[in-house]
Amino acid sequence: MGLVESKPEVWLVAQRRSFLGKLIVVGVIAFAGMQAIRPSLGTPTGPQKAMDVPPHVQEILERRCYACHSDEPRLVWFDQVVPAYWLVAKDVKDARAHLNFSELGTKPAGVQRAELFEAVNQIQFGTMPLPRYLAAHRDAGVTAEELADLKAYLAPFAAAGSTVEGGDVVAAPVAGMNAGPAKAASLSLNGVPFFPDYKEWELMSTTDRGDNKTLRMISGNDIAVKAVAERKVSPWPDGSVFAKITVAATDDGAGHISAGKFVQVEFMVKDAKKYEATKGWGYARYKGDELKPYGADAHFDRECVGCHEPMRDNDYVYTAPIPKEGVR
């Protein structure tokens, strides 16, 4: 004998279907209404001038970077749909605030190369394009060939006209470490101190920046050196301080590069609580022989954090010191 629904049960099913139908209608209306709430991506506020780079480099920048880092944002159809549009609009505004290729050409040539160097560094470490952006735009990533072209343009000391390849590169750490004055003109704008004894610290690493023809010597205070010896650098202990001494690279034209005039000294100070807002590190930069503090205001260190973001899994430190042989 079959089961027959009672009238109350039939009424309840009908009510549920009616409610579901109304809910769908309300949802569709709400979704349609949301499309009208579209914050502007903004209009150009500064002079428009692209970088003075070779055509193939400019083509890569336009194809891979202009979608967010320019005054010519390019949104695909699903980026235009709210609420995705709200996220994209915020990302575009944040991207342009950090680096705007449409206006970068108005800055000095050295600044242009430095900005591009940081961008290439972010690409190389997989920080840019943003992973969440790549998840939705799978063909937006920079290819290995494109990255190689960008790096070739920024090739170390390429503009010097010398044959570095196959020649000797002399970092001259002694000359570099002894360069520069010992007293800062004033305190850094964000309160991170100057460490006058940085020249006496132990050399931990050396590196170079071919895009602006500089050499860098990274030294560490006693706490940092002890952390390396004890292999306790993940994370670095509070009190660790690094000094990055930058000097001009002097090229003799025969492939030999040595340390020249003092440029600046930068400090990274570890205090997880005090510098929580900047990922546990305090940053300061003192420029020139007068050791003038860098930055327009106390928030200049945001750009430092952005530069070190690719190394977040290494406690935001690029330097990878190797303990002395025999230390266990």
C-alpha atoms as a PDB file:
ATOM      1  CA  MET A   1       0.000   0.000   0.000  1.00  0.00           C
ATOM      2  CA  GLY A   2       1.589   3.338  -1.086  1.00  0.00           C
ATOM      3  CA  LEU A   3       2.187   6.280   1.188  1.00  0.00           C
ATOM      4  CA  VAL A   4       0.127   9.409   0.577  1.00  0.00           C
ATOM      5  CA  GLU A   5       1.283  12.855   1.751  1.00  0.00           C
ATOM      6  CA  SER A   6      -1.108  14.554   4.090  1.00  0.00           C
ATOM      7  CA  LYS A   7      -2.300  18.062   3.327  1.00  0.00           C
ATOM      8  CA  PRO A   8      -0.058  19.647   6.008  1.00  0.00           C
ATOM      9  CA  GLU A   9       3.003  17.978   4.457  1.00  0.00           C
ATOM     10  CA  VAL A  10       2.094  19.160   0.940  1.00  0.00           C
ATOM     11  CA  TRP A  11       1.599  22.686   2.271  1.00  0.00           C
ATOM     12  CA  LEU A  12       5.010  22.609   4.019  1.00  0.00           C
ATOM     13  CA  VAL A  13       6.820  21.498   0.838  1.00  0.00           C
ATOM     14  CA  ALA A  14       5.083  24.238  -1.142  1.00  0.00           C
ATOM     15  CA  GLN A  15       6.077  26.814   1.451  1.00  0.00           C
ATOM     16  CA  ARG A  16       9.712  25.721   1.346  1.00  0.00           C
ATOM     17  CA  ARG A  17       9.800  25.925  -2.442  1.00  0.00           C
ATOM     18  CA  SER A  18       8.204  29.344  -2.349  1.00  0.00           C
ATOM     19  CA  PHE A  19      10.738  30.584   0.200  1.00  0.00           C
ATOM     20  CA  LEU A  20      13.629  29.179  -1.851  1.00  0.00           C
ATOM     21  CA  GLY A  21      12.306  30.868  -4.970  1.00  0.00           C
ATOM     22  CA  LYS A  22      11.999  34.201  -3.185  1.00  0.00           C
ATOM     23  CA  LEU A  23      15.511  33.779  -1.782  1.00  0.00           C
ATOM     24  CA  ILE A  24      16.930  33.203  -5.259  1.00  0.00           C
ATOM     25  CA  VAL A  25      15.097  36.274  -6.600  1.00  0.00           C
ATOM     26  CA  VAL A  26      16.433  38.407  -3.733  1.00  0.00           C
ATOM     27  CA  GLY A  27      19.929  37.050  -4.324  1.00  0.00           C
ATOM     28  CA  VAL A  28      19.805  37.860  -8.028  1.00  0.00           C
ATOM     29  CA  ILE A  29      18.553  41.396  -7.321  1.00  0.00           C
ATOM     30  CA  ALA A  30      21.228  41.932  -4.662  1.00  0.00           C
ATOM     31  CA  PHE A  31      23.953  40.611  -6.987  1.00  0.00           C
ATOM     32  CA  ALA A  32      22.772  42.909  -9.767  1.00  0.00           C
ATOM     33  CA  GLY A  33      22.666  45.850  -7.381  1.00  0.00           C
ATOM     34  CA  MET A  34      26.203  45.133  -6.186  1.00  0.00           C
ATOM     35  CA  GLN A  35      27.485  45.590  -9.739  1.00  0.00           C
ATOM     36  CA  ALA A  36      26.668  49.279  -9.483  1.00  0.00           C
ATOM     37  CA  ILE A  37      29.051  49.695  -6.537  1.00  0.00           C
ATOM     38  CA  ARG A  38      32.286  50.021  -8.493  1.00  0.00           C
ATOM     39  CA  PRO A  39      35.044  52.103  -6.878  1.00  0.00           C
ATOM     40  CA  SER A  40      37.095  53.955  -9.452  1.00  0.00           C
ATOM     41  CA  LEU A  41      40.549  52.667 -10.332  1.00  0.00           C
ATOM     42  CA  GLY A  42      41.630  56.279 -10.323  1.00  0.00           C
ATOM     43  CA  THR A  43      43.016  58.567 -12.979  1.00  0.00           C
ATOM     44  CA  PRO A  44      46.646  59.568 -13.598  1.00  0.00           C
ATOM     45  CA  THR A  45      47.797  62.135 -11.061  1.00  0.00           C
ATOM     46  CA  GLY A  46      51.373  62.630 -12.230  1.00  0.00           C
ATOM     47  CA  PRO A  47      53.220  63.141 -15.505  1.00  0.00           C
ATOM     48  CA  GLN A  48      53.165  60.134 -17.797  1.00  0.00           C
ATOM     49  CA  LYS A  49      56.539  58.883 -18.986  1.00  0.00           C
ATOM     50  CA  ALA A  50      57.618  55.270 -19.407  1.00  0.00           C
ATOM     51  CA  MET A  51      61.127  54.037 -18.659  1.00  0.00           C
ATOM     52  CA  ASP A  52      63.822  54.560 -21.266  1.00  0.00           C
ATOM     53  CA  VAL A  53      64.503  50.884 -21.936  1.00  0.00           C
ATOM     54  CA  PRO A  54      65.034  48.752 -25.048  1.00  0.00           C
ATOM     55  CA  PRO A  55      61.807  47.889 -26.930  1.00  0.00           C
ATOM     56  CA  HIS A  56      61.910  44.194 -25.973  1.00  0.00           C
ATOM     57  CA  VAL A  57      62.177  45.112 -22.272  1.00  0.00           C
ATOM     58  CA  GLN A  58      59.313  47.597 -22.547  1.00  0.00           C
ATOM     59  CA  GLU A  59      57.225  44.928 -24.285  1.00  0.00           C
ATOM     60  CA  ILE A  60      57.744  42.540 -21.370  1.00  0.00           C
ATOM     61  CA  LEU A  61      56.812  45.213 -18.838  1.00  0.00           C
ATOM     62  CA  GLU A  62      53.647  46.109 -20.723  1.00  0.00           C
ATOM     63  CA  ARG A  63      52.631  42.484 -21.182  1.00  0.00           C
ATOM     64  CA  ARG A  64      53.352  41.298 -17.640  1.00  0.00           C
ATOM     65  CA  CYS A  65      53.295  44.328 -15.338  1.00  0.00           C
ATOM     66  CA  TYR A  66      51.059  47.052 -16.758  1.00  0.00           C
ATOM     67  CA  ALA A  67      47.844  45.200 -15.812  1.00  0.00           C
ATOM     68  CA  CYS A  68      48.307  46.392 -12.223  1.00  0.00           C
ATOM     69  CA  HIS A  69      51.453  48.555 -12.060  1.00  0.00           C
ATOM     70  CA  SER A  70      50.441  51.315 -14.470  1.00  0.00           C
ATOM     71  CA  ASP A  71      47.846  53.944 -15.236  1.00  0.00           C
ATOM     72  CA  GLU A  72      46.548  51.576 -17.915  1.00  0.00           C
ATOM     73  CA  PRO A  73      45.032  48.758 -15.800  1.00  0.00           C
ATOM     74  CA  ARG A  74      43.833  45.793 -17.829  1.00  0.00           C
ATOM     75  CA  LEU A  75      41.011  43.748 -16.380  1.00  0.00           C
ATOM     76  CA  VAL A  76      39.704  40.547 -17.930  1.00  0.00           C
ATOM     77  CA  TRP A  77      35.956  39.948 -17.899  1.00  0.00           C
ATOM     78  CA  PHE A  78      35.793  38.084 -14.589  1.00  0.00           C
ATOM     79  CA  ASP A  79      37.812  40.853 -12.900  1.00  0.00           C
ATOM     80  CA  GLN A  80      34.940  43.175 -13.753  1.00  0.00           C
ATOM     81  CA  VAL A  81      32.386  41.190 -11.751  1.00  0.00           C
ATOM     82  CA  VAL A  82      31.673  42.329  -8.194  1.00  0.00           C
ATOM     83  CA  PRO A  83      32.825  41.275  -5.604  1.00  0.00           C
ATOM     84  CA  ALA A  84      35.988  40.199  -7.504  1.00  0.00           C
ATOM     85  CA  TYR A  85      36.216  43.754  -8.863  1.00  0.00           C
ATOM     86  CA  TRP A  86      36.510  45.163  -5.349  1.00  0.00           C
ATOM     87  CA  LEU A  87      39.575  42.990  -4.642  1.00  0.00           C
ATOM     88  CA  VAL A  88      41.134  43.802  -8.008  1.00  0.00           C
ATOM     89  CA  ALA A  89      40.585  47.542  -7.559  1.00  0.00           C
ATOM     90  CA  LYS A  90      42.348  47.479  -4.206  1.00  0.00           C
ATOM     91  CA  ASP A  91      45.236  45.429  -5.599  1.00  0.00           C
ATOM     92  CA  VAL A  92      45.671  47.832  -8.528  1.00  0.00           C
ATOM     93  CA  LYS A  93      45.741  50.869  -6.248  1.00  0.00           C
ATOM     94  CA  ASP A  94      48.233  49.207  -3.892  1.00  0.00           C
ATOM     95  CA  ALA A  95      50.376  48.093  -6.837  1.00  0.00           C
ATOM     96  CA  ARG A  96      50.529  51.562  -8.369  1.00  0.00           C
ATOM     97  CA  ALA A  97      51.344  53.132  -5.006  1.00  0.00           C
ATOM     98  CA  HIS A  98      54.405  50.909  -4.792  1.00  0.00           C
ATOM     99  CA  LEU A  99      55.499  51.006  -8.446  1.00  0.00           C
ATOM    100  CA  ASN A 100      53.887  52.768 -11.414  1.00  0.00           C
ATOM    101  CA  PHE A 101      55.601  52.025 -14.714  1.00  0.00           C
ATOM    102  CA  SER A 102      53.551  54.721 -16.472  1.00  0.00           C
ATOM    103  CA  GLU A 103      55.295  57.388 -14.399  1.00  0.00           C
ATOM    104  CA  LEU A 104      58.619  55.738 -13.565  1.00  0.00           C
ATOM    105  CA  GLY A 105      60.335  57.468 -16.478  1.00  0.00           C
ATOM    106  CA  THR A 106      60.018  60.826 -14.713  1.00  0.00           C
ATOM    107  CA  LYS A 107      62.471  59.703 -12.024  1.00  0.00           C
ATOM    108  CA  PRO A 108      66.294  59.830 -12.299  1.00  0.00           C
ATOM    109  CA  ALA A 109      67.859  57.030 -14.345  1.00  0.00           C
ATOM    110  CA  GLY A 110      69.443  55.467 -11.263  1.00  0.00           C
ATOM    111  CA  VAL A 111      66.105  55.336  -9.466  1.00  0.00           C
ATOM    112  CA  GLN A 112      64.478  53.769 -12.513  1.00  0.00           C
ATOM    113  CA  ARG A 113      67.019  50.952 -12.624  1.00  0.00           C
ATOM    114  CA  ALA A 114      66.779  50.450  -8.871  1.00  0.00           C
ATOM    115  CA  GLU A 115      62.982  50.159  -9.045  1.00  0.00           C
ATOM    116  CA  LEU A 116      63.242  47.678 -11.917  1.00  0.00           C
ATOM    117  CA  PHE A 117      65.908  45.738 -10.030  1.00  0.00           C
ATOM    118  CA  GLU A 118      63.565  45.304  -7.071  1.00  0.00           C
ATOM    119  CA  ALA A 119      60.725  44.275  -9.392  1.00  0.00           C
ATOM    120  CA  VAL A 120      62.898  41.635 -11.072  1.00  0.00           C
ATOM    121  CA  ASN A 121      63.999  40.444  -7.643  1.00  0.00           C
ATOM    122  CA  GLN A 122      60.363  40.025  -6.587  1.00  0.00           C
ATOM    123  CA  ILE A 123      59.648  38.070  -9.788  1.00  0.00           C
ATOM    124  CA  GLN A 124      62.681  35.863  -9.269  1.00  0.00           C
ATOM    125  CA  PHE A 125      61.590  34.913  -5.762  1.00  0.00           C
ATOM    126  CA  GLY A 126      57.991  34.232  -6.826  1.00  0.00           C
ATOM    127  CA  THR A 127      56.452  37.114  -4.897  1.00  0.00           C
ATOM    128  CA  MET A 128      55.264  38.877  -8.029  1.00  0.00           C
ATOM    129  CA  PRO A 129      52.834  38.553  -9.625  1.00  0.00           C
ATOM    130  CA  LEU A 130      50.862  37.881  -6.466  1.00  0.00           C
ATOM    131  CA  PRO A 131      50.196  34.130  -6.058  1.00  0.00           C
ATOM    132  CA  ARG A 132      46.448  34.758  -5.724  1.00  0.00           C
ATOM    133  CA  TYR A 133      46.525  36.771  -8.948  1.00  0.00           C
ATOM    134  CA  LEU A 134      48.313  33.964 -10.774  1.00  0.00           C
ATOM    135  CA  ALA A 135      45.779  31.467  -9.467  1.00  0.00           C
ATOM    136  CA  ALA A 136      43.066  33.280 -11.418  1.00  0.00           C
ATOM    137  CA  HIS A 137      45.242  34.518 -14.305  1.00  0.00           C
ATOM    138  CA  ARG A 138      47.330  31.482 -15.142  1.00  0.00           C
ATOM    139  CA  ASP A 139      48.927  33.013 -18.230  1.00  0.00           C
ATOM    140  CA  ALA A 140      50.042  36.182 -16.434  1.00  0.00           C
ATOM    141  CA  GLY A 141      53.318  34.817 -15.047  1.00  0.00           C
ATOM    142  CA  VAL A 142      56.695  35.966 -16.338  1.00  0.00           C
ATOM    143  CA  THR A 143      58.303  33.221 -18.405  1.00  0.00           C
ATOM    144  CA  ALA A 144      61.854  32.002 -17.836  1.00  0.00           C
ATOM    145  CA  GLU A 145      62.890  33.613 -21.128  1.00  0.00           C
ATOM    146  CA  GLU A 146      61.337  36.953 -20.189  1.00  0.00           C
ATOM    147  CA  LEU A 147      63.006  36.896 -16.774  1.00  0.00           C
ATOM    148  CA  ALA A 148      66.351  36.152 -18.449  1.00  0.00           C
ATOM    149  CA  ASP A 149      65.858  39.155 -20.751  1.00  0.00           C
ATOM    150  CA  LEU A 150      65.096  41.445 -17.804  1.00  0.00           C
ATOM    151  CA  LYS A 151      68.127  40.193 -15.884  1.00  0.00           C
ATOM    152  CA  ALA A 152      70.328  40.586 -18.956  1.00  0.00           C
ATOM    153  CA  TYR A 153      69.261  44.222 -19.218  1.00  0.00           C
ATOM    154  CA  LEU A 154      70.288  44.697 -15.583  1.00  0.00           C
ATOM    155  CA  ALA A 155      73.435  42.576 -16.062  1.00  0.00           C
ATOM    156  CA  PRO A 156      76.103  43.402 -13.485  1.00  0.00           C
ATOM    157  CA  PHE A 157      78.221  46.327 -14.632  1.00  0.00           C
ATOM    158  CA  ALA A 158      77.165  45.826 -18.258  1.00  0.00           C
ATOM    159  CA  ALA A 159      77.143  49.544 -18.955  1.00  0.00           C
ATOM    160  CA  ALA A 160      80.758  49.894 -17.841  1.00  0.00           C
ATOM    161  CA  GLY A 161      81.944  48.393 -21.116  1.00  0.00           C
ATOM    162  CA  SER A 162      84.435  46.105 -19.384  1.00  0.00           C
ATOM    163  CA  THR A 163      84.772  42.346 -19.606  1.00  0.00           C
ATOM    164  CA  VAL A 164      83.813  41.270 -16.121  1.00  0.00           C
ATOM    165  CA  GLU A 165      83.103  37.747 -17.289  1.00  0.00           C
ATOM    166  CA  GLY A 166      86.269  35.745 -16.821  1.00  0.00           C
ATOM    167  CA  GLY A 167      87.956  38.568 -14.930  1.00  0.00           C
ATOM    168  CA  ASP A 168      88.563  39.053 -11.233  1.00  0.00           C
ATOM    169  CA  VAL A 169      85.924  40.689  -9.061  1.00  0.00           C
ATOM    170  CA  VAL A 170      87.611  42.084  -5.970  1.00  0.00           C
ATOM    171  CA  ALA A 171      85.152  43.032  -3.260  1.00  0.00           C
ATOM    172  CA  ALA A 172      87.902  44.661  -1.181  1.00  0.00           C
ATOM    173  CA  PRO A 173      86.063  44.174   2.126  1.00  0.00           C
ATOM    174  CA  VAL A 174      88.761  45.888   4.164  1.00  0.00           C
ATOM    175  CA  ALA A 175      88.531  49.103   2.140  1.00  0.00           C
ATOM    176  CA  GLY A 176      84.761  49.022   2.173  1.00  0.00           C
ATOM    177  CA  MET A 177      84.447  48.315   5.868  1.00  0.00           C
ATOM    178  CA  ASN A 178      86.689  51.255   6.709  1.00  0.00           C
ATOM    179  CA  ALA A 179      84.817  53.665   4.468  1.00  0.00           C
ATOM    180  CA  GLY A 180      82.455  56.345   5.652  1.00  0.00           C
ATOM    181  CA  PRO A 181      82.208  58.552   8.754  1.00  0.00           C
ATOM    182  CA  ALA A 182      81.409  57.235  12.199  1.00  0.00           C
ATOM    183  CA  LYS A 183      78.745  59.684  13.363  1.00  0.00           C
ATOM    184  CA  ALA A 184      75.281  60.221  11.912  1.00  0.00           C
ATOM    185  CA  ALA A 185      73.926  63.685  11.212  1.00  0.00           C
ATOM    186  CA  SER A 186      70.761  62.818  13.151  1.00  0.00           C
ATOM    187  CA  LEU A 187      68.594  59.885  14.182  1.00  0.00           C
ATOM    188  CA  SER A 188      66.622  57.964  11.588  1.00  0.00           C
ATOM    189  CA  LEU A 189      63.060  59.277  11.171  1.00  0.00           C
ATOM    190  CA  ASN A 190      61.554  56.036  12.494  1.00  0.00           C
ATOM    191  CA  GLY A 191      63.789  55.999  15.578  1.00  0.00           C
ATOM    192  CA  VAL A 192      66.077  53.120  14.554  1.00  0.00           C
ATOM    193  CA  PRO A 193      69.500  54.056  15.926  1.00  0.00           C
ATOM    194  CA  PHE A 194      72.851  54.497  14.241  1.00  0.00           C
ATOM    195  CA  PHE A 195      75.542  52.045  15.365  1.00  0.00           C
ATOM    196  CA  PRO A 196      78.910  53.857  15.299  1.00  0.00           C
ATOM    197  CA  ASP A 197      80.912  50.662  15.886  1.00  0.00           C
ATOM    198  CA  TYR A 198      79.558  48.921  12.761  1.00  0.00           C
ATOM    199  CA  LYS A 199      83.008  49.057  11.120  1.00  0.00           C
ATOM    200  CA  GLU A 200      84.386  46.808  13.843  1.00  0.00           C
ATOM    201  CA  TRP A 201      81.765  44.088  13.378  1.00  0.00           C
ATOM    202  CA  GLU A 202      82.575  40.790  11.705  1.00  0.00           C
ATOM    203  CA  LEU A 203      82.087  40.559   7.961  1.00  0.00           C
ATOM    204  CA  MET A 204      79.310  38.062   7.216  1.00  0.00           C
ATOM    205  CA  SER A 205      78.691  38.326   3.478  1.00  0.00           C
ATOM    206  CA  THR A 206      79.354  40.381   0.348  1.00  0.00           C
ATOM    207  CA  THR A 207      77.202  41.078  -2.655  1.00  0.00           C
ATOM    208  CA  ASP A 208      76.878  43.514  -5.541  1.00  0.00           C
ATOM    209  CA  ARG A 209      74.299  45.544  -7.431  1.00  0.00           C
ATOM    210  CA  GLY A 210      75.320  45.757 -11.055  1.00  0.00           C
ATOM    211  CA  ASP A 211      72.324  47.919 -11.948  1.00  0.00           C
ATOM    212  CA  ASN A 212      73.715  50.845  -9.959  1.00  0.00           C
ATOM    213  CA  LYS A 213      77.361  49.745  -9.875  1.00  0.00           C
ATOM    214  CA  THR A 214      77.783  49.249  -6.136  1.00  0.00           C
ATOM    215  CA  LEU A 215      79.328  46.656  -3.865  1.00  0.00           C
ATOM    216  CA  ARG A 216      77.886  45.756  -0.467  1.00  0.00           C
ATOM    217  CA  MET A 217      79.546  44.336   2.638  1.00  0.00           C
ATOM    218  CA  ILE A 218      77.212  42.890   5.279  1.00  0.00           C
ATOM    219  CA  SER A 219      78.574  42.804   8.811  1.00  0.00           C
ATOM    220  CA  GLY A 220      76.933  41.637  12.036  1.00  0.00           C
ATOM    221  CA  ASN A 221      77.136  42.509  15.704  1.00  0.00           C
ATOM    222  CA  ASP A 222      78.185  39.976  18.342  1.00  0.00           C
ATOM    223  CA  ILE A 223      74.645  38.649  18.825  1.00  0.00           C
ATOM    224  CA  ALA A 224      74.248  37.998  15.089  1.00  0.00           C
ATOM    225  CA  VAL A 225      77.676  36.357  14.830  1.00  0.00           C
ATOM    226  CA  LYS A 226      76.908  34.126  17.828  1.00  0.00           C
ATOM    227  CA  ALA A 227      73.574  33.127  16.262  1.00  0.00           C
ATOM    228  CA  VAL A 228      75.388  32.036  13.105  1.00  0.00           C
ATOM    229  CA  ALA A 229      77.933  30.019  15.081  1.00  0.00           C
ATOM    230  CA  GLU A 230      75.155  28.282  17.001  1.00  0.00           C
ATOM    231  CA  ARG A 231      72.990  27.877  13.878  1.00  0.00           C
ATOM    232  CA  LYS A 232      70.107  29.769  15.481  1.00  0.00           C
ATOM    233  CA  VAL A 233      69.046  32.033  12.653  1.00  0.00           C
ATOM    234  CA  SER A 234      65.497  30.864  12.016  1.00  0.00           C
ATOM    235  CA  PRO A 235      64.353  33.175  13.442  1.00  0.00           C
ATOM    236  CA  TRP A 236      67.246  35.454  14.315  1.00  0.00           C
ATOM    237  CA  PRO A 237      67.383  36.295  18.037  1.00  0.00           C
ATOM    238  CA  ASP A 238      66.333  39.703  19.303  1.00  0.00           C
ATOM    239  CA  GLY A 239      69.287  42.053  19.452  1.00  0.00           C
ATOM    240  CA  SER A 240      70.785  40.857  16.174  1.00  0.00           C
ATOM    241  CA  VAL A 241      71.927  43.769  14.021  1.00  0.00           C
ATOM    242  CA  PHE A 242      73.236  43.790  10.469  1.00  0.00           C
ATOM    243  CA  ALA A 243      75.045  46.643   8.776  1.00  0.00           C
ATOM    244  CA  LYS A 244      75.079  46.778   4.992  1.00  0.00           C
ATOM    245  CA  ILE A 245      77.892  49.049   3.872  1.00  0.00           C
ATOM    246  CA  THR A 246      77.515  50.206   0.271  1.00  0.00           C
ATOM    247  CA  VAL A 247      80.399  51.578  -1.763  1.00  0.00           C
ATOM    248  CA  ALA A 248      80.732  52.537  -5.399  1.00  0.00           C
ATOM    249  CA  ALA A 249      82.211  49.855  -7.641  1.00  0.00           C
ATOM    250  CA  THR A 250      85.375  51.039  -9.349  1.00  0.00           C
ATOM    251  CA  ASP A 251      86.015  49.380 -12.718  1.00  0.00           C
ATOM    252  CA  ASP A 252      89.531  49.565 -14.174  1.00  0.00           C
ATOM    253  CA  GLY A 253      88.232  48.625 -17.625  1.00  0.00           C
ATOM    254  CA  ALA A 254      89.977  45.256 -17.616  1.00  0.00           C
ATOM    255  CA  GLY A 255      87.361  43.307 -15.724  1.00  0.00           C
ATOM    256  CA  HIS A 256      88.660  44.180 -12.255  1.00  0.00           C
ATOM    257  CA  ILE A 257      86.152  45.700  -9.868  1.00  0.00           C
ATOM    258  CA  SER A 258      87.119  47.122  -6.489  1.00  0.00           C
ATOM    259  CA  ALA A 259      85.506  49.131  -3.695  1.00  0.00           C
ATOM    260  CA  GLY A 260      85.420  52.881  -4.203  1.00  0.00           C
ATOM    261  CA  LYS A 261      83.702  55.828  -2.557  1.00  0.00           C
ATOM    262  CA  PHE A 262      81.400  55.257   0.407  1.00  0.00           C
ATOM    263  CA  VAL A 263      77.716  55.555  -0.534  1.00  0.00           C
ATOM    264  CA  GLN A 264      75.641  54.627   2.515  1.00  0.00           C
ATOM    265  CA  VAL A 265      75.200  52.262   5.430  1.00  0.00           C
ATOM    266  CA  GLU A 266      71.931  50.498   6.275  1.00  0.00           C
ATOM    267  CA  PHE A 267      70.938  48.719   9.469  1.00  0.00           C
ATOM    268  CA  MET A 268      68.515  45.873  10.230  1.00  0.00           C
ATOM    269  CA  VAL A 269      67.721  45.514  13.926  1.00  0.00           C
ATOM    270  CA  LYS A 270      65.817  42.491  15.239  1.00  0.00           C
ATOM    271  CA  ASP A 271      63.254  43.069  17.975  1.00  0.00           C
ATOM    272  CA  ALA A 272      60.137  40.986  17.352  1.00  0.00           C
ATOM    273  CA  LYS A 273      57.978  43.007  19.738  1.00  0.00           C
ATOM    274  CA  LYS A 274      59.263  46.540  19.205  1.00  0.00           C
ATOM    275  CA  TYR A 275      59.230  46.245  15.410  1.00  0.00           C
ATOM    276  CA  GLU A 276      56.176  44.029  15.081  1.00  0.00           C
ATOM    277  CA  ALA A 277      54.636  46.399  12.538  1.00  0.00           C
ATOM    278  CA  THR A 278      57.604  45.860  10.206  1.00  0.00           C
ATOM    279  CA  LYS A 279      57.820  42.074  10.527  1.00  0.00           C
ATOM    280  CA  GLY A 280      60.094  42.102  13.575  1.00  0.00           C
ATOM    281  CA  TRP A 281      62.889  44.194  12.052  1.00  0.00           C
ATOM    282  CA  GLY A 282      63.751  47.868  12.375  1.00  0.00           C
ATOM    283  CA  TYR A 283      65.277  49.490   9.282  1.00  0.00           C
ATOM    284  CA  ALA A 284      67.456  52.579   8.899  1.00  0.00           C
ATOM    285  CA  ARG A 285      69.559  54.031   6.093  1.00  0.00           C
ATOM    286  CA  TYR A 286      72.213  56.731   6.434  1.00  0.00           C
ATOM    287  CA  LYS A 287      73.463  58.244   3.177  1.00  0.00           C
ATOM    288  CA  GLY A 288      76.659  59.963   2.059  1.00  0.00           C
ATOM    289  CA  ASP A 289      79.609  61.266   4.001  1.00  0.00           C
ATOM    290  CA  GLU A 290      77.263  63.318   6.162  1.00  0.00           C
ATOM    291  CA  LEU A 291      75.264  60.148   7.010  1.00  0.00           C
ATOM    292  CA  LYS A 292      71.964  61.855   6.364  1.00  0.00           C
ATOM    293  CA  PRO A 293      68.938  59.748   7.457  1.00  0.00           C
ATOM    294  CA  TYR A 294      66.904  58.465   4.513  1.00  0.00           C
ATOM    295  CA  GLY A 295      63.170  58.920   4.051  1.00  0.00           C
ATOM    296  CA  ALA A 296      60.495  61.571   3.685  1.00  0.00           C
ATOM    297  CA  ASP A 297      58.733  60.483   6.879  1.00  0.00           C
ATOM    298  CA  ALA A 298      58.787  57.798   9.563  1.00  0.00           C
ATOM    299  CA  HIS A 299      57.035  55.308   7.287  1.00  0.00           C
ATOM    300  CA  PHE A 300      59.889  55.023   4.779  1.00  0.00           C
ATOM    301  CA  ASP A 301      60.611  51.563   6.191  1.00  0.00           C
ATOM    302  CA  ARG A 302      57.509  50.195   4.443  1.00  0.00           C
ATOM    303  CA  GLU A 303      59.531  50.025   1.251  1.00  0.00           C
ATOM    304  CA  CYS A 304      62.208  48.073   3.146  1.00  0.00           C
ATOM    305  CA  VAL A 305      59.598  45.553   4.269  1.00  0.00           C
ATOM    306  CA  GLY A 306      58.323  45.228   0.718  1.00  0.00           C
ATOM    307  CA  CYS A 307      61.827  44.600  -0.588  1.00  0.00           C
ATOM    308  CA  HIS A 308      62.429  41.867   2.013  1.00  0.00           C
ATOM    309  CA  GLU A 309      59.003  40.238   1.601  1.00  0.00           C
ATOM    310  CA  PRO A 310      60.340  37.489  -0.721  1.00  0.00           C
ATOM    311  CA  MET A 311      62.454  36.226   2.202  1.00  0.00           C
ATOM    312  CA  ARG A 312      59.580  35.917   4.678  1.00  0.00           C
ATOM    313  CA  ASP A 313      60.384  32.205   5.097  1.00  0.00           C
ATOM    314  CA  ASN A 314      63.957  33.170   6.000  1.00  0.00           C
ATOM    315  CA  ASP A 315      62.937  35.678   8.686  1.00  0.00           C
ATOM    316  CA  TYR A 316      63.055  38.406   6.012  1.00  0.00           C
ATOM    317  CA  VAL A 317      66.848  38.191   5.715  1.00  0.00           C
ATOM    318  CA  TYR A 318      68.583  37.832   2.352  1.00  0.00           C
ATOM    319  CA  THR A 319      72.007  37.101   3.795  1.00  0.00           C
ATOM    320  CA  ALA A 320      72.677  33.380   4.203  1.00  0.00           C
ATOM    321  CA  PRO A 321      75.834  33.230   6.344  1.00  0.00           C
ATOM    322  CA  ILE A 322      77.772  29.977   6.599  1.00  0.00           C
ATOM    323  CA  PRO A 323      79.165  29.010  10.032  1.00  0.00           C
ATOM    324  CA  LYS A 324      82.917  28.763  10.294  1.00  0.00           C
ATOM    325  CA  GLU A 325      84.305  25.357   9.457  1.00  0.00           C
ATOM    326  CA  GLY A 326      84.303  23.015  12.387  1.00  0.00           C
ATOM    327  CA  VAL A 327      81.448  24.700  14.264  1.00  0.00           C
ATOM    328  CA  ARG A 328      78.701  22.240  15.126  1.00  0.00           C
END
